[in-house]
């Protein structure tokens, strides 16, 4: 379990399936996803089981004061680069949890792996998410189009001082 300023992270378990399903089908989450269609329960269970058994997928539930407030997932692509996905529970948005969850997850991933950079691809219209990633220490590395959708590319680099940042 990892802790960052009132946020704790624990690995996702199969019994988190319903919670993750509800968060993933939240209307705002669907609107900001690249696939906006609602997720089907059976498909979700298959996806979750596949990711839980994938050594290159790190998923965690973030909690504050023993209540779940969000999730973060890292998909390690080549051993050195990971893509990040994060959701905040609708009732918890706007309370500053996003940057804390992102930072705690990033530091934990860097401490446990050889990943050198973490990449976030965020729809340009999703200003709240972009701000959360930047507050967590990510930097903008240009705009790109994904499936014809304007997006921002944000990167967190392992640096010579990342461990110092972790203890700050």
N, C-alpha and C. Protein backbone atom coordinates (compact mmCIF):
# COMPACT_ATOMS: atom_id res chain seq x y z
N UNK A 1 0.85 -1.18 0.00
CA UNK A 1 0.00 0.00 0.00
C UNK A 1 0.89 1.24 0.00
N UNK A 2 0.56 2.21 -0.82
CA UNK A 2 1.30 3.46 -0.95
C UNK A 2 0.45 4.57 -0.36
N UNK A 3 1.10 5.57 0.21
CA UNK A 3 0.35 6.68 0.79
C UNK A 3 0.96 8.00 0.33
N UNK A 4 0.10 8.96 0.03
CA UNK A 4 0.56 10.29 -0.41
C UNK A 4 -0.43 11.32 0.12
N UNK A 5 -0.03 12.09 1.10
CA UNK A 5 -0.82 13.21 1.60
C UNK A 5 -2.31 12.89 1.74
N UNK A 6 -2.62 11.86 2.51
CA UNK A 6 -4.02 11.53 2.74
C UNK A 6 -4.63 10.56 1.75
N UNK A 7 -3.87 10.17 0.73
CA UNK A 7 -4.34 9.20 -0.26
C UNK A 7 -3.56 7.92 -0.06
N UNK A 8 -4.26 6.81 -0.06
CA UNK A 8 -3.57 5.53 -0.05
C UNK A 8 -3.96 4.75 -1.29
N UNK A 9 -3.02 3.99 -1.82
CA UNK A 9 -3.25 3.16 -3.00
C UNK A 9 -3.11 1.71 -2.60
N UNK A 10 -3.98 0.88 -3.12
CA UNK A 10 -3.86 -0.56 -2.94
C UNK A 10 -4.16 -1.22 -4.28
N UNK A 11 -3.59 -2.37 -4.53
CA UNK A 11 -3.85 -3.05 -5.80
C UNK A 11 -5.33 -3.37 -5.99
N UNK A 12 -5.78 -3.26 -7.22
CA UNK A 12 -7.15 -3.63 -7.57
C UNK A 12 -7.29 -5.14 -7.39
N UNK A 13 -8.47 -5.55 -6.91
CA UNK A 13 -8.82 -6.97 -6.76
C UNK A 13 -10.07 -7.24 -7.59
N UNK A 14 -10.32 -8.51 -7.83
CA UNK A 14 -11.51 -8.88 -8.60
C UNK A 14 -12.78 -8.40 -7.92
N UNK A 15 -12.80 -8.34 -6.59
CA UNK A 15 -14.02 -7.88 -5.92
C UNK A 15 -14.23 -6.36 -6.05
N UNK A 16 -13.33 -5.66 -6.74
CA UNK A 16 -13.53 -4.25 -7.07
C UNK A 16 -14.28 -4.08 -8.39
N UNK A 17 -14.64 -5.17 -9.02
CA UNK A 17 -15.24 -5.12 -10.36
C UNK A 17 -16.45 -4.19 -10.45
N UNK A 18 -17.38 -4.30 -9.53
CA UNK A 18 -18.61 -3.48 -9.58
C UNK A 18 -18.27 -2.00 -9.45
N UNK A 19 -17.41 -1.65 -8.50
CA UNK A 19 -17.02 -0.26 -8.30
C UNK A 19 -16.36 0.31 -9.56
N UNK A 20 -15.40 -0.42 -10.13
CA UNK A 20 -14.72 0.04 -11.34
C UNK A 20 -15.69 0.16 -12.50
N UNK A 21 -16.63 -0.77 -12.60
CA UNK A 21 -17.65 -0.75 -13.65
C UNK A 21 -18.51 0.52 -13.53
N UNK A 22 -18.93 0.84 -12.32
CA UNK A 22 -19.74 2.04 -12.11
C UNK A 22 -18.95 3.30 -12.45
N UNK A 23 -17.70 3.37 -12.01
CA UNK A 23 -16.88 4.54 -12.33
C UNK A 23 -16.65 4.66 -13.82
N UNK A 24 -16.37 3.54 -14.49
CA UNK A 24 -16.09 3.58 -15.93
C UNK A 24 -17.31 3.99 -16.73
N UNK A 25 -18.50 3.72 -16.23
CA UNK A 25 -19.73 4.07 -16.94
C UNK A 25 -20.32 5.40 -16.51
N UNK A 26 -19.61 6.13 -15.66
CA UNK A 26 -20.04 7.47 -15.29
C UNK A 26 -20.11 8.31 -16.57
N UNK A 27 -21.17 9.11 -16.75
CA UNK A 27 -21.32 9.88 -18.00
C UNK A 27 -20.12 10.75 -18.36
N UNK A 28 -19.50 11.42 -17.39
CA UNK A 28 -18.34 12.26 -17.70
C UNK A 28 -17.14 11.42 -18.11
N UNK A 29 -16.94 10.29 -17.44
CA UNK A 29 -15.84 9.39 -17.81
C UNK A 29 -16.04 8.90 -19.23
N UNK A 30 -17.25 8.48 -19.57
CA UNK A 30 -17.53 8.00 -20.93
C UNK A 30 -17.30 9.13 -21.94
N UNK A 31 -17.72 10.34 -21.61
CA UNK A 31 -17.56 11.47 -22.54
C UNK A 31 -16.09 11.79 -22.80
N UNK A 32 -15.24 11.58 -21.81
CA UNK A 32 -13.82 11.90 -21.96
C UNK A 32 -12.99 10.72 -22.46
N UNK A 33 -13.61 9.55 -22.57
CA UNK A 33 -12.92 8.36 -23.08
C UNK A 33 -12.86 8.41 -24.60
N UNK A 34 -11.96 7.64 -25.18
CA UNK A 34 -11.87 7.58 -26.64
C UNK A 34 -12.99 6.72 -27.21
N UNK A 35 -13.47 5.77 -26.44
CA UNK A 35 -14.64 5.00 -26.79
C UNK A 35 -15.75 5.43 -25.84
N UNK A 36 -16.72 6.16 -26.35
CA UNK A 36 -17.73 6.77 -25.50
C UNK A 36 -18.93 5.87 -25.23
N UNK A 37 -18.99 4.72 -25.86
CA UNK A 37 -20.12 3.80 -25.66
C UNK A 37 -20.09 3.24 -24.24
N UNK A 38 -21.27 3.00 -23.67
CA UNK A 38 -21.31 2.38 -22.33
C UNK A 38 -20.61 1.02 -22.35
N UNK A 39 -20.02 0.68 -21.23
CA UNK A 39 -19.32 -0.59 -21.09
C UNK A 39 -20.31 -1.65 -20.62
N UNK A 40 -20.23 -2.83 -21.19
CA UNK A 40 -21.11 -3.94 -20.85
C UNK A 40 -20.46 -4.76 -19.73
N UNK A 41 -21.26 -5.18 -18.75
CA UNK A 41 -20.75 -5.89 -17.57
C UNK A 41 -19.88 -7.08 -17.93
N UNK A 42 -20.34 -7.95 -18.79
CA UNK A 42 -19.56 -9.13 -19.16
C UNK A 42 -18.22 -8.77 -19.78
N UNK A 43 -18.22 -7.76 -20.65
CA UNK A 43 -16.97 -7.30 -21.26
C UNK A 43 -16.04 -6.72 -20.20
N UNK A 44 -16.62 -6.01 -19.25
CA UNK A 44 -15.82 -5.43 -18.17
C UNK A 44 -15.13 -6.52 -17.34
N UNK A 45 -15.87 -7.57 -17.00
CA UNK A 45 -15.28 -8.66 -16.22
C UNK A 45 -14.13 -9.34 -16.96
N UNK A 46 -14.31 -9.57 -18.25
CA UNK A 46 -13.24 -10.17 -19.06
C UNK A 46 -12.02 -9.25 -19.08
N UNK A 47 -12.26 -7.95 -19.30
CA UNK A 47 -11.17 -6.96 -19.33
C UNK A 47 -10.44 -6.93 -17.99
N UNK A 48 -11.19 -6.91 -16.88
CA UNK A 48 -10.57 -6.83 -15.57
C UNK A 48 -9.74 -8.08 -15.27
N UNK A 49 -10.28 -9.25 -15.53
CA UNK A 49 -9.53 -10.49 -15.28
C UNK A 49 -8.25 -10.53 -16.11
N UNK A 50 -8.35 -10.09 -17.36
CA UNK A 50 -7.17 -10.06 -18.23
C UNK A 50 -6.11 -9.12 -17.66
N UNK A 51 -6.52 -7.94 -17.22
CA UNK A 51 -5.55 -6.97 -16.70
C UNK A 51 -4.99 -7.38 -15.35
N UNK A 52 -5.78 -8.03 -14.52
CA UNK A 52 -5.28 -8.49 -13.22
C UNK A 52 -4.19 -9.56 -13.38
N UNK A 53 -4.25 -10.31 -14.47
CA UNK A 53 -3.24 -11.35 -14.70
C UNK A 53 -2.09 -10.88 -15.58
N UNK A 54 -2.11 -9.61 -15.99
CA UNK A 54 -1.08 -9.04 -16.86
C UNK A 54 0.00 -8.37 -16.02
N UNK A 55 1.20 -8.91 -16.07
CA UNK A 55 2.32 -8.35 -15.28
C UNK A 55 2.70 -6.95 -15.73
N UNK A 56 2.27 -6.52 -16.90
CA UNK A 56 2.58 -5.19 -17.41
C UNK A 56 1.47 -4.18 -17.14
N UNK A 57 0.51 -4.57 -16.33
CA UNK A 57 -0.60 -3.68 -15.97
C UNK A 57 -0.62 -3.50 -14.46
N UNK A 58 -0.53 -2.27 -14.03
CA UNK A 58 -0.59 -1.93 -12.62
C UNK A 58 -1.87 -1.14 -12.41
N UNK A 59 -2.77 -1.65 -11.57
CA UNK A 59 -4.03 -0.97 -11.28
C UNK A 59 -4.16 -0.82 -9.78
N UNK A 60 -4.62 0.35 -9.36
CA UNK A 60 -4.79 0.60 -7.93
C UNK A 60 -6.06 1.37 -7.67
N UNK A 61 -6.64 1.09 -6.50
CA UNK A 61 -7.76 1.87 -5.98
C UNK A 61 -7.16 2.90 -5.03
N UNK A 62 -7.57 4.14 -5.19
CA UNK A 62 -7.12 5.22 -4.30
C UNK A 62 -8.21 5.47 -3.27
N UNK A 63 -7.80 5.58 -2.01
CA UNK A 63 -8.75 5.84 -0.94
C UNK A 63 -8.29 7.05 -0.13
N UNK A 64 -9.28 7.75 0.42
CA UNK A 64 -9.04 8.85 1.35
C UNK A 64 -9.93 8.59 2.55
N UNK A 65 -9.37 8.57 3.71
CA UNK A 65 -10.11 8.30 4.95
C UNK A 65 -10.95 7.02 4.81
N UNK A 66 -10.31 5.99 4.26
CA UNK A 66 -10.91 4.66 4.11
C UNK A 66 -12.11 4.59 3.17
N UNK A 67 -12.28 5.59 2.30
CA UNK A 67 -13.34 5.49 1.29
C UNK A 67 -12.69 5.59 -0.09
N UNK A 68 -13.11 4.75 -1.02
CA UNK A 68 -12.52 4.79 -2.36
C UNK A 68 -12.91 6.08 -3.08
N UNK A 69 -11.89 6.74 -3.66
CA UNK A 69 -12.13 8.01 -4.34
C UNK A 69 -11.73 7.99 -5.82
N UNK A 70 -11.03 6.94 -6.24
CA UNK A 70 -10.62 6.88 -7.64
C UNK A 70 -9.77 5.66 -7.92
N UNK A 71 -9.36 5.57 -9.18
CA UNK A 71 -8.49 4.46 -9.59
C UNK A 71 -7.44 5.00 -10.54
N UNK A 72 -6.33 4.30 -10.59
CA UNK A 72 -5.27 4.63 -11.54
C UNK A 72 -4.75 3.33 -12.14
N UNK A 73 -4.45 3.39 -13.44
CA UNK A 73 -3.93 2.21 -14.13
C UNK A 73 -2.77 2.64 -15.00
N UNK A 74 -1.71 1.82 -14.99
CA UNK A 74 -0.56 2.02 -15.85
C UNK A 74 -0.39 0.79 -16.70
N UNK A 75 -0.27 0.99 -18.00
CA UNK A 75 0.02 -0.09 -18.94
C UNK A 75 1.44 0.11 -19.42
N UNK A 76 2.34 -0.79 -19.00
CA UNK A 76 3.74 -0.70 -19.39
C UNK A 76 3.87 -1.29 -20.79
N UNK A 77 4.35 -0.49 -21.73
CA UNK A 77 4.37 -0.87 -23.14
C UNK A 77 5.64 -1.58 -23.58
N UNK A 78 6.78 -1.10 -23.19
CA UNK A 78 8.04 -1.66 -23.69
C UNK A 78 9.06 -1.85 -22.57
N UNK A 79 8.60 -1.87 -21.35
CA UNK A 79 9.49 -1.98 -20.20
C UNK A 79 10.03 -0.64 -19.74
N UNK A 80 9.93 0.37 -20.60
CA UNK A 80 10.49 1.69 -20.26
C UNK A 80 9.48 2.81 -20.34
N UNK A 81 8.34 2.54 -20.96
CA UNK A 81 7.29 3.55 -21.12
C UNK A 81 5.97 2.97 -20.63
N UNK A 82 5.22 3.79 -19.90
CA UNK A 82 3.90 3.36 -19.43
C UNK A 82 2.88 4.42 -19.82
N UNK A 83 1.69 3.97 -20.14
CA UNK A 83 0.56 4.88 -20.37
C UNK A 83 -0.31 4.84 -19.13
N UNK A 84 -0.86 5.99 -18.76
CA UNK A 84 -1.63 6.11 -17.54
C UNK A 84 -3.09 6.44 -17.85
N UNK A 85 -3.96 5.91 -17.01
CA UNK A 85 -5.39 6.19 -17.07
C UNK A 85 -5.84 6.39 -15.62
N UNK A 86 -6.65 7.40 -15.38
CA UNK A 86 -7.12 7.68 -14.02
C UNK A 86 -8.58 8.10 -14.07
N UNK A 87 -9.35 7.67 -13.07
CA UNK A 87 -10.74 8.10 -12.89
C UNK A 87 -10.91 8.56 -11.45
N UNK A 88 -11.66 9.60 -11.26
CA UNK A 88 -12.03 10.06 -9.93
C UNK A 88 -13.53 9.82 -9.78
N UNK A 89 -13.95 9.28 -8.64
CA UNK A 89 -15.37 9.07 -8.39
C UNK A 89 -16.11 10.39 -8.53
N UNK A 90 -17.29 10.37 -9.14
CA UNK A 90 -18.02 11.61 -9.42
C UNK A 90 -18.24 12.45 -8.17
N UNK A 91 -18.53 11.83 -7.04
CA UNK A 91 -18.78 12.57 -5.80
C UNK A 91 -17.50 13.19 -5.23
N UNK A 92 -16.34 12.79 -5.74
CA UNK A 92 -15.07 13.25 -5.19
C UNK A 92 -14.35 14.25 -6.10
N UNK A 93 -14.91 14.53 -7.26
CA UNK A 93 -14.25 15.46 -8.20
C UNK A 93 -14.21 16.87 -7.62
N UNK A 94 -13.14 17.59 -7.98
CA UNK A 94 -13.00 18.98 -7.55
C UNK A 94 -12.45 19.13 -6.15
N UNK A 95 -12.00 18.03 -5.55
CA UNK A 95 -11.49 18.08 -4.18
C UNK A 95 -9.98 17.91 -4.13
N UNK A 96 -9.31 17.91 -5.29
CA UNK A 96 -7.86 17.84 -5.34
C UNK A 96 -7.27 16.44 -5.31
N UNK A 97 -8.11 15.41 -5.43
CA UNK A 97 -7.59 14.05 -5.37
C UNK A 97 -6.82 13.65 -6.63
N UNK A 98 -7.20 14.20 -7.78
CA UNK A 98 -6.56 13.82 -9.04
C UNK A 98 -5.04 13.90 -9.00
N UNK A 99 -4.47 15.08 -8.74
CA UNK A 99 -3.00 15.17 -8.71
C UNK A 99 -2.36 14.27 -7.67
N UNK A 100 -3.01 14.10 -6.52
CA UNK A 100 -2.43 13.25 -5.47
C UNK A 100 -2.39 11.79 -5.92
N UNK A 101 -3.47 11.33 -6.55
CA UNK A 101 -3.53 9.94 -7.03
C UNK A 101 -2.51 9.73 -8.14
N UNK A 102 -2.43 10.67 -9.05
CA UNK A 102 -1.49 10.55 -10.18
C UNK A 102 -0.05 10.51 -9.66
N UNK A 103 0.28 11.43 -8.77
CA UNK A 103 1.65 11.49 -8.23
C UNK A 103 1.99 10.23 -7.44
N UNK A 104 1.10 9.79 -6.56
CA UNK A 104 1.36 8.59 -5.76
C UNK A 104 1.53 7.37 -6.66
N UNK A 105 0.67 7.25 -7.66
CA UNK A 105 0.78 6.12 -8.58
C UNK A 105 2.06 6.16 -9.39
N UNK A 106 2.42 7.34 -9.87
CA UNK A 106 3.64 7.48 -10.68
C UNK A 106 4.87 7.12 -9.86
N UNK A 107 4.98 7.65 -8.66
CA UNK A 107 6.14 7.36 -7.82
C UNK A 107 6.21 5.88 -7.48
N UNK A 108 5.07 5.28 -7.19
CA UNK A 108 5.06 3.85 -6.88
C UNK A 108 5.52 3.04 -8.09
N UNK A 109 5.00 3.37 -9.26
CA UNK A 109 5.40 2.64 -10.47
C UNK A 109 6.90 2.80 -10.72
N UNK A 110 7.43 4.01 -10.60
CA UNK A 110 8.86 4.24 -10.84
C UNK A 110 9.73 3.53 -9.81
N UNK A 111 9.24 3.42 -8.59
CA UNK A 111 10.00 2.74 -7.55
C UNK A 111 10.06 1.23 -7.78
N UNK A 112 9.04 0.68 -8.43
CA UNK A 112 8.95 -0.78 -8.58
C UNK A 112 9.37 -1.29 -9.94
N UNK A 113 9.61 -0.40 -10.91
CA UNK A 113 9.90 -0.84 -12.27
C UNK A 113 11.08 -0.06 -12.84
N UNK A 114 11.45 -0.40 -14.07
CA UNK A 114 12.46 0.34 -14.81
C UNK A 114 11.84 1.36 -15.76
N UNK A 115 10.58 1.63 -15.61
CA UNK A 115 9.90 2.62 -16.47
C UNK A 115 10.63 3.95 -16.36
N UNK A 116 10.88 4.56 -17.52
CA UNK A 116 11.58 5.84 -17.58
C UNK A 116 10.64 7.02 -17.80
N UNK A 117 9.50 6.75 -18.44
CA UNK A 117 8.55 7.83 -18.65
C UNK A 117 7.13 7.30 -18.63
N UNK A 118 6.24 8.15 -18.13
CA UNK A 118 4.82 7.84 -18.08
C UNK A 118 4.12 8.84 -18.98
N UNK A 119 3.28 8.33 -19.87
CA UNK A 119 2.60 9.16 -20.86
C UNK A 119 1.11 9.19 -20.58
N UNK A 120 0.55 10.38 -20.61
CA UNK A 120 -0.90 10.56 -20.51
C UNK A 120 -1.36 11.21 -21.81
N UNK A 121 -2.38 10.64 -22.43
CA UNK A 121 -3.00 11.22 -23.61
C UNK A 121 -4.40 11.64 -23.18
N UNK A 122 -4.65 12.95 -23.19
CA UNK A 122 -5.89 13.50 -22.66
C UNK A 122 -6.56 14.35 -23.73
N UNK A 123 -7.86 14.19 -23.88
CA UNK A 123 -8.61 15.03 -24.81
C UNK A 123 -8.37 16.50 -24.46
N UNK A 124 -8.12 17.32 -25.48
CA UNK A 124 -7.82 18.73 -25.26
C UNK A 124 -8.92 19.45 -24.50
N UNK A 125 -10.16 19.00 -24.68
CA UNK A 125 -11.29 19.65 -24.00
C UNK A 125 -11.34 19.31 -22.50
N UNK A 126 -10.59 18.32 -22.06
CA UNK A 126 -10.62 17.87 -20.68
C UNK A 126 -9.63 18.68 -19.84
N UNK A 127 -9.94 19.94 -19.65
CA UNK A 127 -9.04 20.87 -18.97
C UNK A 127 -8.74 20.46 -17.53
N UNK A 128 -9.73 19.90 -16.83
CA UNK A 128 -9.52 19.48 -15.45
C UNK A 128 -8.48 18.39 -15.36
N UNK A 129 -8.54 17.41 -16.25
CA UNK A 129 -7.57 16.32 -16.24
C UNK A 129 -6.19 16.82 -16.62
N UNK A 130 -6.11 17.68 -17.61
CA UNK A 130 -4.81 18.24 -18.01
C UNK A 130 -4.18 18.98 -16.83
N UNK A 131 -4.98 19.78 -16.14
CA UNK A 131 -4.47 20.52 -14.98
C UNK A 131 -4.01 19.57 -13.87
N UNK A 132 -4.75 18.49 -13.65
CA UNK A 132 -4.36 17.52 -12.61
C UNK A 132 -3.03 16.88 -12.94
N UNK A 133 -2.83 16.48 -14.20
CA UNK A 133 -1.56 15.87 -14.59
C UNK A 133 -0.41 16.86 -14.44
N UNK A 134 -0.64 18.10 -14.83
CA UNK A 134 0.44 19.10 -14.72
C UNK A 134 0.77 19.39 -13.26
N UNK A 135 -0.24 19.45 -12.42
CA UNK A 135 -0.01 19.68 -10.99
C UNK A 135 0.74 18.50 -10.37
N UNK A 136 0.55 17.31 -10.94
CA UNK A 136 1.24 16.11 -10.45
C UNK A 136 2.68 16.01 -10.96
N UNK A 137 3.10 16.94 -11.81
CA UNK A 137 4.49 16.94 -12.29
C UNK A 137 4.67 16.55 -13.73
N UNK A 138 3.58 16.29 -14.45
CA UNK A 138 3.68 15.99 -15.88
C UNK A 138 3.89 17.30 -16.64
N UNK A 139 4.52 17.19 -17.81
CA UNK A 139 4.74 18.35 -18.68
C UNK A 139 4.09 18.08 -20.02
N UNK A 140 3.60 19.14 -20.65
CA UNK A 140 3.01 19.00 -21.99
C UNK A 140 4.10 18.75 -23.00
N UNK A 141 3.86 17.79 -23.88
CA UNK A 141 4.78 17.48 -24.96
C UNK A 141 4.03 17.49 -26.28
N UNK A 142 3.26 18.53 -26.49
CA UNK A 142 2.59 18.72 -27.76
C UNK A 142 1.19 18.16 -27.84
N UNK A 143 0.56 18.50 -28.93
CA UNK A 143 -0.80 18.05 -29.22
C UNK A 143 -0.73 16.97 -30.28
N UNK A 144 -1.65 16.02 -30.19
CA UNK A 144 -1.75 14.95 -31.17
C UNK A 144 -3.23 14.69 -31.43
N UNK A 145 -3.51 13.95 -32.48
CA UNK A 145 -4.88 13.53 -32.76
C UNK A 145 -4.96 12.01 -32.55
N UNK A 146 -5.98 11.58 -31.84
CA UNK A 146 -6.25 10.17 -31.62
C UNK A 146 -7.65 9.89 -32.16
N UNK A 147 -7.72 9.05 -33.19
CA UNK A 147 -9.00 8.78 -33.85
C UNK A 147 -9.68 10.08 -34.28
N UNK A 148 -8.87 11.06 -34.72
CA UNK A 148 -9.40 12.34 -35.17
C UNK A 148 -9.78 13.29 -34.05
N UNK A 149 -9.47 12.95 -32.81
CA UNK A 149 -9.81 13.77 -31.65
C UNK A 149 -8.57 14.51 -31.18
N UNK A 150 -8.69 15.84 -31.00
CA UNK A 150 -7.56 16.64 -30.52
C UNK A 150 -7.23 16.27 -29.08
N UNK A 151 -5.95 15.98 -28.84
CA UNK A 151 -5.49 15.55 -27.52
C UNK A 151 -4.19 16.25 -27.16
N UNK A 152 -3.93 16.27 -25.86
CA UNK A 152 -2.65 16.75 -25.34
C UNK A 152 -1.85 15.53 -24.90
N UNK A 153 -0.56 15.58 -25.14
CA UNK A 153 0.36 14.53 -24.71
C UNK A 153 1.14 15.09 -23.53
N UNK A 154 1.01 14.44 -22.38
CA UNK A 154 1.69 14.88 -21.17
C UNK A 154 2.61 13.75 -20.71
N UNK A 155 3.80 14.12 -20.24
CA UNK A 155 4.80 13.12 -19.88
C UNK A 155 5.41 13.43 -18.52
N UNK A 156 5.59 12.37 -17.76
CA UNK A 156 6.33 12.42 -16.49
C UNK A 156 7.59 11.62 -16.71
N UNK A 157 8.75 12.27 -16.62
CA UNK A 157 10.03 11.61 -16.86
C UNK A 157 10.68 11.22 -15.54
N UNK A 158 11.24 10.02 -15.53
CA UNK A 158 12.09 9.66 -14.40
C UNK A 158 13.30 10.59 -14.50
N UNK A 159 13.59 11.30 -13.45
CA UNK A 159 14.71 12.22 -13.47
C UNK A 159 15.66 11.93 -12.34
N UNK A 160 16.75 12.64 -12.33
CA UNK A 160 17.75 12.41 -11.29
C UNK A 160 17.20 12.77 -9.92
N UNK A 161 16.15 13.61 -9.86
CA UNK A 161 15.63 14.03 -8.56
C UNK A 161 14.24 13.46 -8.28
N UNK A 162 13.78 12.45 -9.03
CA UNK A 162 12.42 11.95 -8.79
C UNK A 162 12.27 11.37 -7.40
N UNK A 163 13.32 10.72 -6.84
CA UNK A 163 13.20 10.18 -5.49
C UNK A 163 13.12 11.31 -4.47
N UNK A 164 13.84 12.39 -4.72
CA UNK A 164 13.76 13.53 -3.81
C UNK A 164 12.35 14.13 -3.85
N UNK A 165 11.77 14.23 -5.06
CA UNK A 165 10.42 14.73 -5.19
C UNK A 165 9.44 13.84 -4.42
N UNK A 166 9.68 12.53 -4.44
CA UNK A 166 8.79 11.57 -3.80
C UNK A 166 8.73 11.79 -2.30
N UNK A 167 9.82 12.19 -1.70
CA UNK A 167 9.83 12.37 -0.26
C UNK A 167 9.45 13.78 0.16
N UNK A 168 9.23 14.65 -0.81
CA UNK A 168 8.89 16.05 -0.48
C UNK A 168 7.47 16.19 0.00
